[in-house]
């Protein structure tokens, strides 16, 4: 299923359960983590068209390891499986 996210919108949140695997169709996403008690987000990567994410939570049944946030000036389009 194709889904779209506005800039600044969270696709997944660190620590939540994962039920969907995503492939980036168009746009850009920033991956961030929150460490310690200061709750400051640290960027750990960028995803672009052709990249994918979400497999870790599905394969290990562990919570999401990072936040994934749509960035840029246009909607980010993903395929959710």
N, C-alpha and C. Protein backbone atom coordinates (compact mmCIF):
# COMPACT_ATOMS: atom_id res chain seq x y z
N UNK A 1 0.84 -1.17 0.00
CA UNK A 1 0.00 0.00 0.00
C UNK A 1 0.89 1.24 0.00
N UNK A 2 0.57 2.21 -0.84
CA UNK A 2 1.35 3.45 -0.87
C UNK A 2 0.81 4.41 0.18
N UNK A 3 1.73 5.00 0.94
CA UNK A 3 1.37 5.98 1.96
C UNK A 3 2.25 7.21 1.78
N UNK A 4 1.73 8.38 2.17
CA UNK A 4 2.48 9.64 2.01
C UNK A 4 2.55 10.36 3.35
N UNK A 5 3.68 11.05 3.56
CA UNK A 5 3.91 11.77 4.80
C UNK A 5 4.39 13.19 4.49
N UNK A 6 3.84 14.15 5.21
CA UNK A 6 4.23 15.54 5.07
C UNK A 6 5.58 15.76 5.75
N UNK A 7 6.34 16.78 5.30
CA UNK A 7 7.60 17.10 5.97
C UNK A 7 7.37 17.32 7.47
N UNK A 8 8.22 16.70 8.29
CA UNK A 8 8.11 16.82 9.73
C UNK A 8 7.25 15.74 10.37
N UNK A 9 6.55 14.98 9.57
CA UNK A 9 5.67 13.93 10.09
C UNK A 9 6.48 12.67 10.40
N UNK A 10 6.19 12.05 11.55
CA UNK A 10 6.86 10.81 11.95
C UNK A 10 6.22 9.63 11.24
N UNK A 11 7.06 8.77 10.66
CA UNK A 11 6.59 7.51 10.08
C UNK A 11 6.57 6.46 11.18
N UNK A 12 7.65 6.36 11.93
CA UNK A 12 7.71 5.47 13.09
C UNK A 12 8.39 6.20 14.24
N UNK A 13 8.07 5.76 15.46
CA UNK A 13 8.67 6.31 16.67
C UNK A 13 9.54 5.26 17.34
N UNK A 14 10.68 5.70 17.82
CA UNK A 14 11.57 4.83 18.57
C UNK A 14 10.81 4.23 19.75
N UNK A 15 10.94 2.90 19.92
CA UNK A 15 10.33 2.22 21.06
C UNK A 15 8.96 1.63 20.80
N UNK A 16 8.31 1.99 19.68
CA UNK A 16 6.98 1.43 19.43
C UNK A 16 7.09 0.07 18.76
N UNK A 17 6.01 -0.69 18.78
CA UNK A 17 5.96 -1.98 18.10
C UNK A 17 5.97 -1.76 16.60
N UNK A 18 6.61 -2.68 15.88
CA UNK A 18 6.67 -2.57 14.43
C UNK A 18 5.81 -3.62 13.75
N UNK A 19 4.95 -3.17 12.83
CA UNK A 19 4.08 -4.09 12.11
C UNK A 19 4.18 -3.92 10.60
N UNK A 20 5.00 -2.94 10.16
CA UNK A 20 5.07 -2.63 8.73
C UNK A 20 6.53 -2.49 8.31
N UNK A 21 6.83 -3.01 7.13
CA UNK A 21 8.12 -2.85 6.46
C UNK A 21 7.91 -1.79 5.38
N UNK A 22 8.81 -0.81 5.28
CA UNK A 22 8.65 0.30 4.34
C UNK A 22 9.75 0.32 3.29
N UNK A 23 9.38 0.70 2.07
CA UNK A 23 10.32 0.98 0.99
C UNK A 23 10.07 2.41 0.56
N UNK A 24 11.14 3.20 0.45
CA UNK A 24 10.99 4.61 0.07
C UNK A 24 10.79 4.70 -1.44
N UNK A 25 9.65 5.24 -1.83
CA UNK A 25 9.35 5.43 -3.25
C UNK A 25 9.87 6.78 -3.74
N UNK A 26 9.64 7.83 -2.94
CA UNK A 26 10.03 9.17 -3.34
C UNK A 26 10.16 10.03 -2.09
N UNK A 27 11.16 10.89 -2.07
CA UNK A 27 11.33 11.79 -0.94
C UNK A 27 12.53 11.42 -0.09
N UNK A 28 12.56 11.99 1.12
CA UNK A 28 13.70 11.80 2.01
C UNK A 28 13.20 11.70 3.45
N UNK A 29 13.91 10.88 4.24
CA UNK A 29 13.57 10.70 5.64
C UNK A 29 14.83 10.82 6.48
N UNK A 30 14.67 11.34 7.69
CA UNK A 30 15.78 11.44 8.64
C UNK A 30 15.53 10.41 9.73
N UNK A 31 16.57 9.66 10.09
CA UNK A 31 16.51 8.67 11.17
C UNK A 31 17.18 9.27 12.38
N UNK A 32 16.48 9.28 13.51
CA UNK A 32 17.03 9.85 14.74
C UNK A 32 16.85 8.88 15.89
N UNK A 33 17.72 9.02 16.88
CA UNK A 33 17.57 8.26 18.12
C UNK A 33 17.62 9.22 19.29
N UNK A 34 16.98 8.82 20.37
CA UNK A 34 17.02 9.56 21.62
C UNK A 34 17.79 8.69 22.60
N UNK A 35 18.85 9.26 23.17
CA UNK A 35 19.67 8.52 24.13
C UNK A 35 19.67 9.24 25.46
N UNK A 36 19.66 8.48 26.53
CA UNK A 36 19.74 9.06 27.85
C UNK A 36 18.49 9.81 28.25
N UNK A 37 18.62 10.64 29.27
CA UNK A 37 17.46 11.33 29.82
C UNK A 37 17.24 12.72 29.26
N UNK A 38 18.17 13.21 28.41
CA UNK A 38 18.02 14.58 27.90
C UNK A 38 16.99 14.69 26.77
N UNK A 39 16.57 13.55 26.21
CA UNK A 39 15.57 13.48 25.15
C UNK A 39 15.92 14.28 23.90
N UNK A 40 17.20 14.59 23.72
CA UNK A 40 17.64 15.27 22.50
C UNK A 40 17.79 14.24 21.39
N UNK A 41 17.24 14.55 20.22
CA UNK A 41 17.32 13.63 19.10
C UNK A 41 18.64 13.80 18.36
N UNK A 42 19.27 12.67 18.06
CA UNK A 42 20.53 12.66 17.34
C UNK A 42 20.30 11.99 15.98
N UNK A 43 20.67 12.67 14.90
CA UNK A 43 20.50 12.11 13.57
C UNK A 43 21.51 10.98 13.36
N UNK A 44 21.01 9.84 12.87
CA UNK A 44 21.88 8.68 12.65
C UNK A 44 21.86 8.20 11.21
N UNK A 45 21.09 8.88 10.36
CA UNK A 45 21.06 8.46 8.96
C UNK A 45 19.97 9.14 8.17
N UNK A 46 20.08 9.01 6.86
CA UNK A 46 19.10 9.56 5.92
C UNK A 46 18.69 8.46 4.95
N UNK A 47 17.42 8.42 4.63
CA UNK A 47 16.89 7.45 3.68
C UNK A 47 16.35 8.18 2.46
N UNK A 48 16.60 7.62 1.27
CA UNK A 48 16.12 8.20 0.02
C UNK A 48 15.45 7.10 -0.81
N UNK A 49 14.94 7.48 -1.98
CA UNK A 49 14.24 6.53 -2.85
C UNK A 49 15.08 5.26 -3.06
N UNK A 50 14.43 4.11 -2.90
CA UNK A 50 15.09 2.82 -3.03
C UNK A 50 15.55 2.22 -1.72
N UNK A 51 15.69 3.06 -0.68
CA UNK A 51 16.05 2.55 0.64
C UNK A 51 14.83 1.91 1.30
N UNK A 52 15.08 1.15 2.36
CA UNK A 52 14.00 0.48 3.08
C UNK A 52 14.30 0.48 4.56
N UNK A 53 13.25 0.29 5.36
CA UNK A 53 13.42 0.23 6.82
C UNK A 53 12.24 -0.48 7.44
N UNK A 54 12.42 -0.89 8.69
CA UNK A 54 11.36 -1.53 9.44
C UNK A 54 11.50 -3.03 9.56
N UNK A 55 12.46 -3.61 8.86
CA UNK A 55 12.60 -5.06 8.90
C UNK A 55 13.08 -5.57 10.25
N UNK A 56 13.88 -4.77 10.94
CA UNK A 56 14.43 -5.21 12.22
C UNK A 56 13.35 -5.54 13.24
N UNK A 57 12.37 -4.66 13.36
CA UNK A 57 11.28 -4.88 14.32
C UNK A 57 10.45 -6.11 13.94
N UNK A 58 10.29 -6.34 12.66
CA UNK A 58 9.51 -7.49 12.21
C UNK A 58 10.25 -8.81 12.43
N UNK A 59 11.55 -8.81 12.15
CA UNK A 59 12.33 -10.04 12.26
C UNK A 59 12.64 -10.42 13.70
N UNK A 60 12.85 -9.44 14.56
CA UNK A 60 13.27 -9.73 15.93
C UNK A 60 12.17 -9.58 16.97
N UNK A 61 11.03 -9.02 16.55
CA UNK A 61 9.93 -8.76 17.48
C UNK A 61 10.34 -7.78 18.58
N UNK A 62 11.34 -6.96 18.31
CA UNK A 62 11.81 -5.93 19.24
C UNK A 62 11.18 -4.59 18.84
N UNK A 63 11.13 -3.64 19.77
CA UNK A 63 10.58 -2.31 19.44
C UNK A 63 11.44 -1.60 18.38
N UNK A 64 10.85 -0.60 17.74
CA UNK A 64 11.57 0.21 16.75
C UNK A 64 12.81 0.83 17.40
N UNK A 65 13.92 0.80 16.67
CA UNK A 65 15.20 1.27 17.22
C UNK A 65 15.41 2.78 17.06
N UNK A 66 14.65 3.40 16.15
CA UNK A 66 14.84 4.84 15.93
C UNK A 66 13.55 5.48 15.45
N UNK A 67 13.54 6.80 15.44
CA UNK A 67 12.47 7.57 14.83
C UNK A 67 12.79 7.70 13.35
N UNK A 68 11.78 7.71 12.51
CA UNK A 68 11.96 7.96 11.09
C UNK A 68 10.98 9.08 10.74
N UNK A 69 11.55 10.22 10.25
CA UNK A 69 10.77 11.43 10.06
C UNK A 69 10.91 11.91 8.62
N UNK A 70 9.78 12.22 7.99
CA UNK A 70 9.81 12.77 6.63
C UNK A 70 10.43 14.17 6.67
N UNK A 71 11.33 14.44 5.71
CA UNK A 71 11.97 15.75 5.62
C UNK A 71 11.93 16.23 4.17
N UNK A 72 12.34 17.47 3.96
CA UNK A 72 12.35 18.01 2.61
C UNK A 72 11.18 18.96 2.40
N UNK A 73 10.96 19.35 1.17
CA UNK A 73 9.91 20.33 0.87
C UNK A 73 8.66 19.69 0.29
N UNK A 74 8.70 18.42 -0.05
CA UNK A 74 7.55 17.73 -0.63
C UNK A 74 7.17 16.54 0.23
N UNK A 75 6.00 15.97 -0.07
CA UNK A 75 5.58 14.76 0.61
C UNK A 75 6.57 13.63 0.32
N UNK A 76 6.76 12.77 1.30
CA UNK A 76 7.55 11.57 1.12
C UNK A 76 6.59 10.41 0.89
N UNK A 77 6.83 9.65 -0.16
CA UNK A 77 5.94 8.53 -0.49
C UNK A 77 6.65 7.22 -0.22
N UNK A 78 5.95 6.32 0.44
CA UNK A 78 6.48 5.02 0.83
C UNK A 78 5.53 3.93 0.41
N UNK A 79 6.08 2.74 0.23
CA UNK A 79 5.26 1.54 0.10
C UNK A 79 5.33 0.83 1.45
N UNK A 80 4.21 0.56 2.04
CA UNK A 80 4.16 -0.16 3.31
C UNK A 80 3.72 -1.59 3.07
N UNK A 81 4.52 -2.52 3.55
CA UNK A 81 4.22 -3.95 3.36
C UNK A 81 4.03 -4.64 4.70
